[in-house]
Amino acid sequence: MNQALLIIDVQQELVDGNNEMKSVLNKEVLLDHVNLVINKALESQVLIVFIRDKDVANGEGPGFQIHPKVKVPTTAKIFDKAATNSFYGTPLLGFLKDNKIEHLVIMGCKTEHCIDTAVRTATVNHFDVTLVGDGHSTTDSSTLSAEKIISHHNEILHGHYNVDNFSVVRTTQEDLFQPIHDNYR
């Protein structure tokens, strides 16, 4: 089975925050988990794709770049997006289809926006998805704490399905590149 690791918006300014925005919850843990899963992907010879949001740091400078603590492999693909949806207006879907990807492991920022949208869009586009439950983060909203947002999404996206393809939530400690979707079909 062809697989890819999709790391969304783990950009310096979004993760660390700035004068107007706080850093994401448990940013050091998030960065450690991203690097751990990158290593697992490399060991499993899985494609690695990064998405960067052009709205972060106005799409320029160090704040726009993938966080410097993330060990970006030289083989990784990087796509930039202008929307919440990583598939909208980017070559991502075509790239995944060209590489016959069937399973996507997704992690990054922000939980309730780009992560949620990517998981749902991927299942509609015929991918099985594994969301790394301890590999995505966000900031507090005016209604909910970041911790509650993350917990809520881990709950509602586990088992989210679009008939043939669906998502499961697993942790970095699990063998993420040994998909378990067939156990539930």
C-alpha atoms as a PDB file:
ATOM      1  CA  MET A   1       0.000   0.000   0.000  1.00  0.00           C
ATOM      2  CA  ASN A   2       1.331   3.412  -0.954  1.00  0.00           C
ATOM      3  CA  GLN A   3       1.287   5.900   1.894  1.00  0.00           C
ATOM      4  CA  ALA A   4       2.183   9.508   2.614  1.00  0.00           C
ATOM      5  CA  LEU A   5       2.800  11.604   5.705  1.00  0.00           C
ATOM      6  CA  LEU A   6       1.071  14.987   5.435  1.00  0.00           C
ATOM      7  CA  ILE A   7       2.397  17.649   7.832  1.00  0.00           C
ATOM      8  CA  ILE A   8       0.264  20.772   7.757  1.00  0.00           C
ATOM      9  CA  ASP A   9       1.249  24.323   8.754  1.00  0.00           C
ATOM     10  CA  VAL A  10       4.033  23.511  11.224  1.00  0.00           C
ATOM     11  CA  GLN A  11       5.470  26.935  10.491  1.00  0.00           C
ATOM     12  CA  GLN A  12       7.634  28.958  12.865  1.00  0.00           C
ATOM     13  CA  GLU A  13       5.263  31.864  13.512  1.00  0.00           C
ATOM     14  CA  LEU A  14       2.134  29.726  13.731  1.00  0.00           C
ATOM     15  CA  VAL A  15       3.759  27.305  16.218  1.00  0.00           C
ATOM     16  CA  ASP A  16       5.641  29.898  18.302  1.00  0.00           C
ATOM     17  CA  GLY A  17       3.078  32.689  18.062  1.00  0.00           C
ATOM     18  CA  ASN A  18       3.742  36.401  17.644  1.00  0.00           C
ATOM     19  CA  ASN A  19       2.680  39.728  19.179  1.00  0.00           C
ATOM     20  CA  GLU A  20      -0.980  39.102  18.300  1.00  0.00           C
ATOM     21  CA  MET A  21      -1.246  35.333  18.627  1.00  0.00           C
ATOM     22  CA  LYS A  22      -0.231  32.828  21.312  1.00  0.00           C
ATOM     23  CA  SER A  23       1.852  29.756  20.565  1.00  0.00           C
ATOM     24  CA  VAL A  24       0.028  26.487  20.017  1.00  0.00           C
ATOM     25  CA  LEU A  25      -0.596  24.233  23.013  1.00  0.00           C
ATOM     26  CA  ASN A  26       2.384  22.050  23.974  1.00  0.00           C
ATOM     27  CA  LYS A  27       4.459  23.251  21.042  1.00  0.00           C
ATOM     28  CA  GLU A  28       7.633  21.423  22.121  1.00  0.00           C
ATOM     29  CA  VAL A  29       5.753  18.121  22.363  1.00  0.00           C
ATOM     30  CA  LEU A  30       4.199  18.756  18.945  1.00  0.00           C
ATOM     31  CA  LEU A  31       7.607  19.412  17.370  1.00  0.00           C
ATOM     32  CA  ASP A  32       9.086  16.296  19.003  1.00  0.00           C
ATOM     33  CA  HIS A  33       6.185  14.198  17.746  1.00  0.00           C
ATOM     34  CA  VAL A  34       6.495  15.603  14.213  1.00  0.00           C
ATOM     35  CA  ASN A  35      10.168  14.606  14.154  1.00  0.00           C
ATOM     36  CA  LEU A  36       9.377  11.169  15.581  1.00  0.00           C
ATOM     37  CA  VAL A  37       6.767  10.487  12.894  1.00  0.00           C
ATOM     38  CA  ILE A  38       9.086  11.826  10.163  1.00  0.00           C
ATOM     39  CA  ASN A  39      11.658   9.246  11.289  1.00  0.00           C
ATOM     40  CA  LYS A  40       9.028   6.494  11.183  1.00  0.00           C
ATOM     41  CA  ALA A  41       8.018   7.613   7.689  1.00  0.00           C
ATOM     42  CA  LEU A  42      11.619   7.544   6.503  1.00  0.00           C
ATOM     43  CA  GLU A  43      12.103   4.044   7.957  1.00  0.00           C
ATOM     44  CA  SER A  44       8.943   2.894   6.152  1.00  0.00           C
ATOM     45  CA  GLN A  45       9.971   4.658   2.912  1.00  0.00           C
ATOM     46  CA  VAL A  46       6.811   6.748   2.944  1.00  0.00           C
ATOM     47  CA  LEU A  47       6.405   9.972   0.969  1.00  0.00           C
ATOM     48  CA  ILE A  48       6.572  13.080   3.164  1.00  0.00           C
ATOM     49  CA  VAL A  49       4.623  16.200   2.228  1.00  0.00           C
ATOM     50  CA  PHE A  50       4.619  19.542   4.017  1.00  0.00           C
ATOM     51  CA  ILE A  51       1.936  22.177   3.540  1.00  0.00           C
ATOM     52  CA  ARG A  52       2.616  25.819   4.348  1.00  0.00           C
ATOM     53  CA  ASP A  53      -0.105  28.441   4.747  1.00  0.00           C
ATOM     54  CA  LYS A  54       0.595  31.674   2.870  1.00  0.00           C
ATOM     55  CA  ASP A  55      -1.304  33.629   5.548  1.00  0.00           C
ATOM     56  CA  VAL A  56       1.349  32.785   8.143  1.00  0.00           C
ATOM     57  CA  ALA A  57       3.835  35.690   8.445  1.00  0.00           C
ATOM     58  CA  ASN A  58       2.348  37.159   5.262  1.00  0.00           C
ATOM     59  CA  GLY A  59       3.890  34.273   3.326  1.00  0.00           C
ATOM     60  CA  GLU A  60       7.481  35.404   3.785  1.00  0.00           C
ATOM     61  CA  GLY A  61      10.549  35.374   5.994  1.00  0.00           C
ATOM     62  CA  PRO A  62      11.545  32.980   8.762  1.00  0.00           C
ATOM     63  CA  GLY A  63       8.043  32.976  10.299  1.00  0.00           C
ATOM     64  CA  PHE A  64       6.583  31.504   7.108  1.00  0.00           C
ATOM     65  CA  GLN A  65       9.115  28.663   6.939  1.00  0.00           C
ATOM     66  CA  ILE A  66       8.675  25.216   8.426  1.00  0.00           C
ATOM     67  CA  HIS A  67       9.668  25.444  12.096  1.00  0.00           C
ATOM     68  CA  PRO A  68      13.472  25.250  12.429  1.00  0.00           C
ATOM     69  CA  LYS A  69      13.220  22.427  15.008  1.00  0.00           C
ATOM     70  CA  VAL A  70      11.552  20.188  12.406  1.00  0.00           C
ATOM     71  CA  LYS A  71      14.031  17.962  10.602  1.00  0.00           C
ATOM     72  CA  VAL A  72      12.771  18.330   7.027  1.00  0.00           C
ATOM     73  CA  PRO A  73      14.096  15.503   4.845  1.00  0.00           C
ATOM     74  CA  THR A  74      15.640  16.556   1.531  1.00  0.00           C
ATOM     75  CA  THR A  75      13.190  14.223  -0.217  1.00  0.00           C
ATOM     76  CA  ALA A  76      10.107  15.941   1.227  1.00  0.00           C
ATOM     77  CA  LYS A  77       7.697  17.801  -1.038  1.00  0.00           C
ATOM     78  CA  ILE A  78       6.493  21.235   0.052  1.00  0.00           C
ATOM     79  CA  PHE A  79       3.285  22.831  -1.210  1.00  0.00           C
ATOM     80  CA  ASP A  80       1.913  26.257  -0.298  1.00  0.00           C
ATOM     81  CA  LYS A  81      -1.779  26.958   0.157  1.00  0.00           C
ATOM     82  CA  ALA A  82      -3.920  30.072   0.371  1.00  0.00           C
ATOM     83  CA  ALA A  83      -6.993  28.401   1.907  1.00  0.00           C
ATOM     84  CA  THR A  84      -7.829  26.395   5.027  1.00  0.00           C
ATOM     85  CA  ASN A  85      -8.087  23.308   2.826  1.00  0.00           C
ATOM     86  CA  SER A  86      -4.692  21.817   1.868  1.00  0.00           C
ATOM     87  CA  PHE A  87      -6.273  20.326  -1.269  1.00  0.00           C
ATOM     88  CA  TYR A  88      -7.809  23.590  -2.536  1.00  0.00           C
ATOM     89  CA  GLY A  89      -5.760  25.386  -5.187  1.00  0.00           C
ATOM     90  CA  THR A  90      -2.684  23.228  -4.594  1.00  0.00           C
ATOM     91  CA  PRO A  91      -1.123  20.321  -6.523  1.00  0.00           C
ATOM     92  CA  LEU A  92      -1.580  18.045  -3.468  1.00  0.00           C
ATOM     93  CA  LEU A  93      -4.419  15.842  -4.746  1.00  0.00           C
ATOM     94  CA  GLY A  94      -2.764  15.323  -8.132  1.00  0.00           C
ATOM     95  CA  PHE A  95       0.560  14.528  -6.466  1.00  0.00           C
ATOM     96  CA  LEU A  96      -1.049  11.945  -4.168  1.00  0.00           C
ATOM     97  CA  LYS A  97      -3.018  10.366  -7.040  1.00  0.00           C
ATOM     98  CA  ASP A  98       0.076  10.305  -9.305  1.00  0.00           C
ATOM     99  CA  ASN A  99       1.912   8.424  -6.553  1.00  0.00           C
ATOM    100  CA  LYS A 100      -1.036   6.055  -6.053  1.00  0.00           C
ATOM    101  CA  ILE A 101      -1.325   6.963  -2.373  1.00  0.00           C
ATOM    102  CA  GLU A 102      -4.097   5.103  -0.538  1.00  0.00           C
ATOM    103  CA  HIS A 103      -3.325   5.964   3.094  1.00  0.00           C
ATOM    104  CA  LEU A 104      -2.510   9.384   4.548  1.00  0.00           C
ATOM    105  CA  VAL A 105      -1.070  10.014   8.000  1.00  0.00           C
ATOM    106  CA  ILE A 106      -1.945  13.599   8.963  1.00  0.00           C
ATOM    107  CA  MET A 107      -0.517  15.899  11.647  1.00  0.00           C
ATOM    108  CA  GLY A 108       0.160  19.598  12.210  1.00  0.00           C
ATOM    109  CA  CYS A 109      -1.778  22.798  12.945  1.00  0.00           C
ATOM    110  CA  LYS A 110      -4.399  24.082  13.647  1.00  0.00           C
ATOM    111  CA  THR A 111      -6.701  21.319  14.817  1.00  0.00           C
ATOM    112  CA  GLU A 112     -10.123  22.862  14.197  1.00  0.00           C
ATOM    113  CA  HIS A 113      -9.194  24.475  10.905  1.00  0.00           C
ATOM    114  CA  CYS A 114      -6.645  22.945   8.553  1.00  0.00           C
ATOM    115  CA  ILE A 115      -6.342  19.549  10.251  1.00  0.00           C
ATOM    116  CA  ASP A 116     -10.092  18.923  10.441  1.00  0.00           C
ATOM    117  CA  THR A 117     -10.556  20.061   6.842  1.00  0.00           C
ATOM    118  CA  ALA A 118      -7.699  17.906   5.523  1.00  0.00           C
ATOM    119  CA  VAL A 119      -8.991  14.762   7.249  1.00  0.00           C
ATOM    120  CA  ARG A 120     -12.504  15.231   5.900  1.00  0.00           C
ATOM    121  CA  THR A 121     -11.388  16.218   2.401  1.00  0.00           C
ATOM    122  CA  ALA A 122      -9.010  13.254   2.192  1.00  0.00           C
ATOM    123  CA  THR A 123     -11.749  10.729   2.992  1.00  0.00           C
ATOM    124  CA  VAL A 124     -14.038  12.266   0.361  1.00  0.00           C
ATOM    125  CA  ASN A 125     -11.186  11.903  -2.135  1.00  0.00           C
ATOM    126  CA  HIS A 126     -10.834   8.156  -1.465  1.00  0.00           C
ATOM    127  CA  PHE A 127      -7.959   8.091   1.031  1.00  0.00           C
ATOM    128  CA  ASP A 128      -7.920   6.222   4.304  1.00  0.00           C
ATOM    129  CA  VAL A 129      -6.618   8.614   6.941  1.00  0.00           C
ATOM    130  CA  THR A 130      -4.754   8.170  10.185  1.00  0.00           C
ATOM    131  CA  LEU A 131      -4.845  11.340  12.268  1.00  0.00           C
ATOM    132  CA  VAL A 132      -1.981  11.459  14.751  1.00  0.00           C
ATOM    133  CA  GLY A 133      -3.968  12.223  17.907  1.00  0.00           C
ATOM    134  CA  ASP A 134      -0.960  13.574  19.788  1.00  0.00           C
ATOM    135  CA  GLY A 135       0.466  15.191  16.672  1.00  0.00           C
ATOM    136  CA  HIS A 136      -1.793  18.181  16.097  1.00  0.00           C
ATOM    137  CA  SER A 137      -2.321  21.356  18.080  1.00  0.00           C
ATOM    138  CA  THR A 138      -4.063  24.695  18.236  1.00  0.00           C
ATOM    139  CA  THR A 139      -4.659  27.738  20.442  1.00  0.00           C
ATOM    140  CA  ASP A 140      -7.576  28.568  22.724  1.00  0.00           C
ATOM    141  CA  SER A 141     -10.689  29.889  21.019  1.00  0.00           C
ATOM    142  CA  SER A 142     -13.135  32.310  22.619  1.00  0.00           C
ATOM    143  CA  THR A 143     -15.324  29.292  23.454  1.00  0.00           C
ATOM    144  CA  LEU A 144     -13.011  26.344  24.153  1.00  0.00           C
ATOM    145  CA  SER A 145      -9.525  25.697  25.450  1.00  0.00           C
ATOM    146  CA  ALA A 146      -6.988  24.296  23.006  1.00  0.00           C
ATOM    147  CA  GLU A 147      -6.954  21.079  25.038  1.00  0.00           C
ATOM    148  CA  LYS A 148     -10.729  20.650  24.634  1.00  0.00           C
ATOM    149  CA  ILE A 149     -10.573  21.457  20.911  1.00  0.00           C
ATOM    150  CA  ILE A 150      -7.914  18.768  20.404  1.00  0.00           C
ATOM    151  CA  SER A 151      -9.803  16.187  22.506  1.00  0.00           C
ATOM    152  CA  HIS A 152     -13.071  16.957  20.726  1.00  0.00           C
ATOM    153  CA  HIS A 153     -11.515  16.519  17.284  1.00  0.00           C
ATOM    154  CA  ASN A 154      -9.774  13.301  18.265  1.00  0.00           C
ATOM    155  CA  GLU A 155     -13.186  12.010  19.321  1.00  0.00           C
ATOM    156  CA  ILE A 156     -15.245  13.145  16.314  1.00  0.00           C
ATOM    157  CA  LEU A 157     -12.646  12.314  13.659  1.00  0.00           C
ATOM    158  CA  HIS A 158     -12.035   8.773  14.941  1.00  0.00           C
ATOM    159  CA  GLY A 159     -14.253   6.711  12.705  1.00  0.00           C
ATOM    160  CA  HIS A 160     -15.312   9.666  10.536  1.00  0.00           C
ATOM    161  CA  TYR A 161     -16.247   8.087   7.247  1.00  0.00           C
ATOM    162  CA  ASN A 162     -17.424   8.727   3.739  1.00  0.00           C
ATOM    163  CA  VAL A 163     -18.717   5.244   2.877  1.00  0.00           C
ATOM    164  CA  ASP A 164     -15.553   3.613   1.479  1.00  0.00           C
ATOM    165  CA  ASN A 165     -12.782   5.576   3.186  1.00  0.00           C
ATOM    166  CA  PHE A 166     -12.559   6.822   6.745  1.00  0.00           C
ATOM    167  CA  SER A 167     -10.272   8.165   9.413  1.00  0.00           C
ATOM    168  CA  VAL A 168      -8.892   6.682  12.611  1.00  0.00           C
ATOM    169  CA  VAL A 169      -6.997   8.445  15.383  1.00  0.00           C
ATOM    170  CA  ARG A 170      -3.794   6.850  16.680  1.00  0.00           C
ATOM    171  CA  THR A 171      -0.818   8.070  18.719  1.00  0.00           C
ATOM    172  CA  THR A 172       2.826   8.550  17.791  1.00  0.00           C
ATOM    173  CA  GLN A 173       3.701   5.443  19.815  1.00  0.00           C
ATOM    174  CA  GLU A 174       1.674   3.233  17.476  1.00  0.00           C
ATOM    175  CA  ASP A 175       2.844   1.807  14.165  1.00  0.00           C
ATOM    176  CA  LEU A 176       1.192   4.556  12.119  1.00  0.00           C
ATOM    177  CA  PHE A 177       2.360   3.156   8.793  1.00  0.00           C
ATOM    178  CA  GLN A 178       0.668  -0.191   9.416  1.00  0.00           C
ATOM    179  CA  PRO A 179      -2.902   0.975   8.714  1.00  0.00           C
ATOM    180  CA  ILE A 180      -5.729  -0.653  10.674  1.00  0.00           C
ATOM    181  CA  HIS A 181      -8.640   0.477   8.488  1.00  0.00           C
ATOM    182  CA  ASP A 182      -9.295  -3.002   7.054  1.00  0.00           C
ATOM    183  CA  ASN A 183     -10.011  -4.233  10.601  1.00  0.00           C
ATOM    184  CA  TYR A 184     -13.189  -2.126  10.521  1.00  0.00           C
ATOM    185  CA  ARG A 185     -14.473  -2.677   6.971  1.00  0.00           C
END
